[in-house]
Structures are given as C-alpha cells and as structure tokens.
Amino acid sequence: MNDSGPRRLTLLRFLERVQLRDLERTRRWIADEERREAERRRGIEDKPAPPDWLLERGLNGHSPPVYVHAGDCWNAGKRSKGIDQEQARRALADGVAACPHCRPDSALRMLD
C-alpha cells in the first residue's frame, strides 16, 4: 500500500503540530530554568557578608556567652550574633571561651 496522498500529508501536519507543541514546552522549561538560575545568582550576590566575629549566647537570654567565633565558623550556634573585633577581644579577655574549631583567639593574636 502506498502512503502518499492526502492521508500522508495529514499525518505529517499532525506530527508538525505535536513537535511544535513539544518545542514550545521545552522553551518554557528553559525560560523557567533560566529565571530560577538568575534568582539564585541574585540571592548569592545580595546576601550580606557574614560578620567578622560572632558571640554565641547560652541557652536562655540570661546565660552568659559561651563562645567567641570567627564570622564564618561552621560551628557557630543559632544563638550567635555579630560583633566587631574590639568586642571579640574584650569577650575573650573577659573569659569567654574561644571556639575550638575556628580559633578566633589565634586570628586575634590573643593566645595565652
């Protein structure tokens, strides 16, 4: 049987519509992915720099500080707040422990 003629042309037009629909869907997926990537990059660029030093508080608001950390320390707890270099030096001098992981006392040259 010969597939030429109007039936073959109809099938080819149908295939063309399906492929165009698939192409448009793929282009939407690409646009969505480009938008997400741009948002991710913008989030990284807009993220504020970490503080130079952190003071980690105890379990409640009345507890004394437990550690001084470098600002980028991976072990700083959620109860940490940013402090400046002078505050970090003062806290170490007042007996607040230096984090054993990031060693802010070494960075501040305050070793015993």
N, C-alpha and C. Protein backbone atom coordinates (compact mmCIF):
# COMPACT_ATOMS: atom_id res chain seq x y z
N MET A 1 0.84 -1.18 0.00
CA MET A 1 0.00 0.00 0.00
C MET A 1 0.88 1.24 0.00
N ASN A 2 0.54 2.19 -0.75
CA ASN A 2 1.29 3.42 -0.91
C ASN A 2 0.72 4.47 0.04
N ASP A 3 1.60 5.08 0.89
CA ASP A 3 1.16 6.07 1.88
C ASP A 3 1.22 7.49 1.33
N SER A 4 1.18 7.67 0.07
CA SER A 4 1.23 9.02 -0.48
C SER A 4 -0.17 9.60 -0.52
N GLY A 5 -0.22 10.86 -0.80
CA GLY A 5 -1.52 11.50 -0.96
C GLY A 5 -1.94 12.25 0.28
N PRO A 6 -3.23 12.62 0.37
CA PRO A 6 -3.74 13.47 1.44
C PRO A 6 -3.57 12.85 2.83
N ARG A 7 -3.70 11.54 2.95
CA ARG A 7 -3.57 10.90 4.26
C ARG A 7 -2.16 11.09 4.82
N ARG A 8 -1.15 10.92 4.03
CA ARG A 8 0.23 11.11 4.47
C ARG A 8 0.48 12.57 4.82
N LEU A 9 -0.03 13.48 4.04
CA LEU A 9 0.13 14.91 4.31
C LEU A 9 -0.57 15.28 5.63
N THR A 10 -1.72 14.72 5.88
CA THR A 10 -2.45 14.97 7.13
C THR A 10 -1.63 14.47 8.32
N LEU A 11 -1.06 13.30 8.20
CA LEU A 11 -0.24 12.76 9.29
C LEU A 11 1.01 13.61 9.52
N LEU A 12 1.62 14.08 8.44
CA LEU A 12 2.81 14.92 8.59
C LEU A 12 2.46 16.26 9.24
N ARG A 13 1.31 16.83 8.89
CA ARG A 13 0.88 18.09 9.53
C ARG A 13 0.61 17.86 11.02
N PHE A 14 0.00 16.72 11.34
CA PHE A 14 -0.24 16.37 12.74
C PHE A 14 1.09 16.26 13.50
N LEU A 15 2.06 15.57 12.92
CA LEU A 15 3.37 15.43 13.52
C LEU A 15 4.03 16.79 13.73
N GLU A 16 3.86 17.66 12.77
CA GLU A 16 4.44 19.00 12.88
C GLU A 16 3.82 19.75 14.08
N ARG A 17 2.51 19.66 14.25
CA ARG A 17 1.84 20.33 15.37
C ARG A 17 2.33 19.77 16.71
N VAL A 18 2.47 18.47 16.79
CA VAL A 18 2.96 17.83 18.02
C VAL A 18 4.38 18.31 18.32
N GLN A 19 5.21 18.34 17.32
CA GLN A 19 6.60 18.75 17.54
C GLN A 19 6.69 20.23 17.92
N LEU A 20 5.87 21.08 17.31
CA LEU A 20 5.85 22.49 17.68
C LEU A 20 5.40 22.68 19.13
N ARG A 21 4.38 21.91 19.52
CA ARG A 21 3.90 21.98 20.90
C ARG A 21 5.02 21.54 21.86
N ASP A 22 5.71 20.46 21.52
CA ASP A 22 6.82 19.99 22.35
C ASP A 22 7.94 21.02 22.40
N LEU A 23 8.22 21.65 21.28
CA LEU A 23 9.28 22.67 21.24
C LEU A 23 8.91 23.86 22.12
N GLU A 24 7.67 24.30 22.07
CA GLU A 24 7.22 25.41 22.91
C GLU A 24 7.31 25.04 24.39
N ARG A 25 6.92 23.84 24.74
CA ARG A 25 7.02 23.39 26.12
C ARG A 25 8.48 23.36 26.57
N THR A 26 9.35 22.86 25.74
CA THR A 26 10.78 22.83 26.07
C THR A 26 11.32 24.25 26.25
N ARG A 27 10.89 25.17 25.38
CA ARG A 27 11.34 26.56 25.51
C ARG A 27 10.82 27.18 26.82
N ARG A 28 9.61 26.83 27.25
CA ARG A 28 9.10 27.31 28.54
C ARG A 28 9.94 26.75 29.68
N TRP A 29 10.28 25.47 29.60
CA TRP A 29 11.12 24.86 30.63
C TRP A 29 12.47 25.57 30.70
N ILE A 30 13.05 25.86 29.56
CA ILE A 30 14.34 26.56 29.52
C ILE A 30 14.21 27.95 30.14
N ALA A 31 13.15 28.68 29.78
CA ALA A 31 12.94 30.02 30.34
C ALA A 31 12.75 29.96 31.85
N ASP A 32 11.98 28.98 32.32
CA ASP A 32 11.78 28.82 33.77
C ASP A 32 13.11 28.53 34.46
N GLU A 33 13.90 27.66 33.89
CA GLU A 33 15.19 27.31 34.49
C GLU A 33 16.14 28.52 34.48
N GLU A 34 16.14 29.30 33.41
CA GLU A 34 16.97 30.50 33.35
C GLU A 34 16.53 31.51 34.42
N ARG A 35 15.23 31.63 34.63
CA ARG A 35 14.71 32.53 35.65
C ARG A 35 15.14 32.07 37.05
N ARG A 36 15.03 30.77 37.32
CA ARG A 36 15.45 30.25 38.63
C ARG A 36 16.94 30.46 38.85
N GLU A 37 17.74 30.24 37.82
CA GLU A 37 19.18 30.42 37.94
C GLU A 37 19.52 31.89 38.20
N ALA A 38 18.84 32.80 37.51
CA ALA A 38 19.07 34.23 37.74
C ALA A 38 18.69 34.61 39.16
N GLU A 39 17.59 34.08 39.68
CA GLU A 39 17.18 34.35 41.06
C GLU A 39 18.20 33.80 42.04
N ARG A 40 18.72 32.61 41.77
CA ARG A 40 19.73 32.01 42.65
C ARG A 40 20.99 32.88 42.68
N ARG A 41 21.45 33.31 41.50
CA ARG A 41 22.64 34.17 41.43
C ARG A 41 22.40 35.49 42.15
N ARG A 42 21.22 36.08 41.95
CA ARG A 42 20.89 37.34 42.59
C ARG A 42 20.87 37.17 44.11
N GLY A 43 20.34 36.04 44.59
CA GLY A 43 20.33 35.77 46.02
C GLY A 43 21.73 35.67 46.60
N ILE A 44 22.62 35.04 45.86
CA ILE A 44 24.01 34.92 46.31
C ILE A 44 24.68 36.29 46.34
N GLU A 45 24.45 37.09 45.28
CA GLU A 45 25.06 38.42 45.21
C GLU A 45 24.51 39.36 46.26
N ASP A 46 23.23 39.26 46.58
CA ASP A 46 22.59 40.17 47.52
C ASP A 46 22.77 39.75 48.98
N LYS A 47 23.28 38.55 49.20
CA LYS A 47 23.44 38.06 50.57
C LYS A 47 24.48 38.91 51.29
N PRO A 48 24.13 39.42 52.47
CA PRO A 48 25.11 40.24 53.18
C PRO A 48 26.31 39.40 53.62
N ALA A 49 27.44 40.05 53.69
CA ALA A 49 28.66 39.37 54.14
C ALA A 49 28.50 38.98 55.61
N PRO A 50 29.05 37.85 56.01
CA PRO A 50 28.95 37.47 57.42
C PRO A 50 29.76 38.45 58.27
N PRO A 51 29.39 38.61 59.53
CA PRO A 51 30.18 39.48 60.40
C PRO A 51 31.57 38.88 60.58
N ASP A 52 32.51 39.70 60.96
CA ASP A 52 33.88 39.21 61.17
C ASP A 52 33.96 38.29 62.39
N TRP A 53 33.14 38.58 63.41
CA TRP A 53 33.20 37.82 64.65
C TRP A 53 31.79 37.57 65.16
N LEU A 54 31.63 36.50 65.92
CA LEU A 54 30.32 36.13 66.48
C LEU A 54 30.47 35.86 67.98
N LEU A 55 29.42 36.21 68.71
CA LEU A 55 29.34 35.89 70.12
C LEU A 55 28.15 34.96 70.29
N GLU A 56 28.42 33.75 70.76
CA GLU A 56 27.36 32.75 70.95
C GLU A 56 26.86 32.81 72.38
N ARG A 57 25.57 33.02 72.52
CA ARG A 57 24.93 33.10 73.83
C ARG A 57 24.60 31.72 74.36
N GLY A 58 24.32 31.64 75.66
CA GLY A 58 23.90 30.39 76.28
C GLY A 58 22.47 30.04 75.91
N LEU A 59 21.91 29.05 76.58
CA LEU A 59 20.60 28.52 76.22
C LEU A 59 19.45 29.50 76.43
N ASN A 60 19.56 30.41 77.37
CA ASN A 60 18.49 31.39 77.54
C ASN A 60 19.07 32.79 77.50
N GLY A 61 18.21 33.76 77.49
CA GLY A 61 18.66 35.14 77.36
C GLY A 61 19.49 35.65 78.53
N HIS A 62 19.41 34.96 79.67
CA HIS A 62 20.14 35.41 80.86
C HIS A 62 21.48 34.71 81.02
N SER A 63 21.75 33.71 80.21
CA SER A 63 23.01 32.97 80.32
C SER A 63 24.15 33.81 79.76
N PRO A 64 25.32 33.65 80.34
CA PRO A 64 26.47 34.37 79.79
C PRO A 64 26.88 33.76 78.44
N PRO A 65 27.64 34.51 77.66
CA PRO A 65 28.11 33.98 76.37
C PRO A 65 28.97 32.73 76.59
N VAL A 66 28.91 31.81 75.61
CA VAL A 66 29.68 30.57 75.76
C VAL A 66 30.89 30.51 74.83
N TYR A 67 30.82 31.14 73.67
CA TYR A 67 31.93 31.09 72.72
C TYR A 67 32.05 32.38 71.93
N VAL A 68 33.27 32.67 71.55
CA VAL A 68 33.55 33.67 70.52
C VAL A 68 33.94 32.87 69.29
N HIS A 69 33.38 33.23 68.14
CA HIS A 69 33.66 32.54 66.88
C HIS A 69 34.15 33.52 65.84
N ALA A 70 34.90 33.01 64.87
CA ALA A 70 35.15 33.78 63.65
C ALA A 70 33.82 33.86 62.90
N GLY A 71 33.62 34.90 62.13
CA GLY A 71 32.33 35.13 61.48
C GLY A 71 31.88 34.03 60.56
N ASP A 72 32.80 33.30 59.97
CA ASP A 72 32.42 32.25 59.03
C ASP A 72 32.52 30.84 59.63
N CYS A 73 32.54 30.76 60.95
CA CYS A 73 32.70 29.46 61.61
C CYS A 73 31.51 28.54 61.32
N TRP A 74 31.80 27.33 60.95
CA TRP A 74 30.75 26.35 60.66
C TRP A 74 30.06 25.86 61.93
N ASN A 75 30.68 26.08 63.08
CA ASN A 75 30.16 25.53 64.32
C ASN A 75 29.43 26.57 65.18
N ALA A 76 29.25 27.77 64.66
CA ALA A 76 28.56 28.81 65.43
C ALA A 76 27.09 28.41 65.59
N GLY A 77 26.59 28.53 66.80
CA GLY A 77 25.21 28.16 67.07
C GLY A 77 24.22 29.21 66.58
N LYS A 78 22.94 28.86 66.64
CA LYS A 78 21.88 29.75 66.18
C LYS A 78 21.70 30.95 67.10
N ARG A 79 22.25 30.87 68.28
CA ARG A 79 22.12 31.97 69.23
C ARG A 79 23.30 32.94 69.13
N SER A 80 23.97 32.95 67.99
CA SER A 80 25.13 33.82 67.80
C SER A 80 24.71 35.14 67.19
N LYS A 81 25.41 36.18 67.57
CA LYS A 81 25.17 37.50 66.96
C LYS A 81 26.50 38.10 66.56
N GLY A 82 26.46 38.94 65.54
CA GLY A 82 27.67 39.57 65.04
C GLY A 82 28.22 40.60 66.00
N ILE A 83 29.53 40.62 66.14
CA ILE A 83 30.21 41.63 66.96
C ILE A 83 31.43 42.11 66.20
N ASP A 84 31.96 43.26 66.63
CA ASP A 84 33.16 43.77 65.97
C ASP A 84 34.41 43.22 66.64
N GLN A 85 35.55 43.56 66.09
CA GLN A 85 36.81 43.00 66.57
C GLN A 85 37.08 43.39 68.02
N GLU A 86 36.80 44.62 68.39
CA GLU A 86 37.06 45.06 69.76
C GLU A 86 36.18 44.30 70.75
N GLN A 87 34.93 44.08 70.39
CA GLN A 87 34.03 43.31 71.27
C GLN A 87 34.51 41.87 71.39
N ALA A 88 35.01 41.30 70.30
CA ALA A 88 35.52 39.93 70.34
C ALA A 88 36.74 39.85 71.26
N ARG A 89 37.65 40.82 71.14
CA ARG A 89 38.83 40.85 72.01
C ARG A 89 38.42 40.99 73.48
N ARG A 90 37.46 41.88 73.74
CA ARG A 90 37.01 42.11 75.11
C ARG A 90 36.37 40.84 75.68
N ALA A 91 35.54 40.16 74.89
CA ALA A 91 34.89 38.94 75.37
C ALA A 91 35.93 37.87 75.69
N LEU A 92 36.93 37.71 74.84
CA LEU A 92 37.99 36.72 75.11
C LEU A 92 38.76 37.10 76.36
N ALA A 93 39.06 38.40 76.50
CA ALA A 93 39.79 38.86 77.68
C ALA A 93 38.96 38.67 78.96
N ASP A 94 37.64 38.76 78.83
CA ASP A 94 36.75 38.58 79.98
C ASP A 94 36.48 37.12 80.30
N GLY A 95 37.09 36.20 79.55
CA GLY A 95 36.98 34.79 79.88
C GLY A 95 36.01 33.98 79.06
N VAL A 96 35.39 34.59 78.04
CA VAL A 96 34.52 33.81 77.17
C VAL A 96 35.43 32.88 76.35
N ALA A 97 35.06 31.63 76.24
CA ALA A 97 35.91 30.65 75.55
C ALA A 97 35.97 30.93 74.05
N ALA A 98 37.14 30.66 73.50
CA ALA A 98 37.30 30.73 72.05
C ALA A 98 36.82 29.41 71.45
N CYS A 99 36.13 29.48 70.36
CA CYS A 99 35.67 28.26 69.69
C CYS A 99 36.88 27.39 69.36
N PRO A 100 36.85 26.11 69.72
CA PRO A 100 37.99 25.25 69.45
C PRO A 100 38.13 24.88 67.97
N HIS A 101 37.12 25.20 67.17
CA HIS A 101 37.17 24.85 65.74
C HIS A 101 37.74 25.97 64.89
N CYS A 102 37.25 27.20 65.08
CA CYS A 102 37.71 28.30 64.24
C CYS A 102 38.84 29.11 64.87
N ARG A 103 39.06 28.93 66.15
CA ARG A 103 40.17 29.55 66.90
C ARG A 103 40.28 31.06 66.69
N PRO A 104 39.27 31.82 67.11
CA PRO A 104 39.35 33.26 66.96
C PRO A 104 40.47 33.88 67.79
N ASP A 105 40.87 33.23 68.87
CA ASP A 105 41.97 33.75 69.68
C ASP A 105 43.27 33.76 68.88
N SER A 106 43.46 32.77 68.01
CA SER A 106 44.64 32.76 67.16
C SER A 106 44.56 33.87 66.12
N ALA A 107 43.40 34.02 65.52
CA ALA A 107 43.23 35.06 64.49
C ALA A 107 43.40 36.45 65.09
N LEU A 108 42.99 36.62 66.35
CA LEU A 108 43.11 37.91 67.03
C LEU A 108 44.46 38.06 67.75
N ARG A 109 45.30 37.04 67.65
CA ARG A 109 46.62 37.02 68.31
C ARG A 109 46.50 37.25 69.83
N MET A 110 45.55 36.49 70.40
CA MET A 110 45.32 36.60 71.85
C MET A 110 45.57 35.26 72.52
N LEU A 111 46.54 34.52 72.10
CA LEU A 111 46.83 33.23 72.71
C LEU A 111 47.48 33.41 74.07
N ASP A 112 47.17 32.51 74.97
CA ASP A 112 47.76 32.56 76.33
C ASP A 112 49.19 32.08 76.29
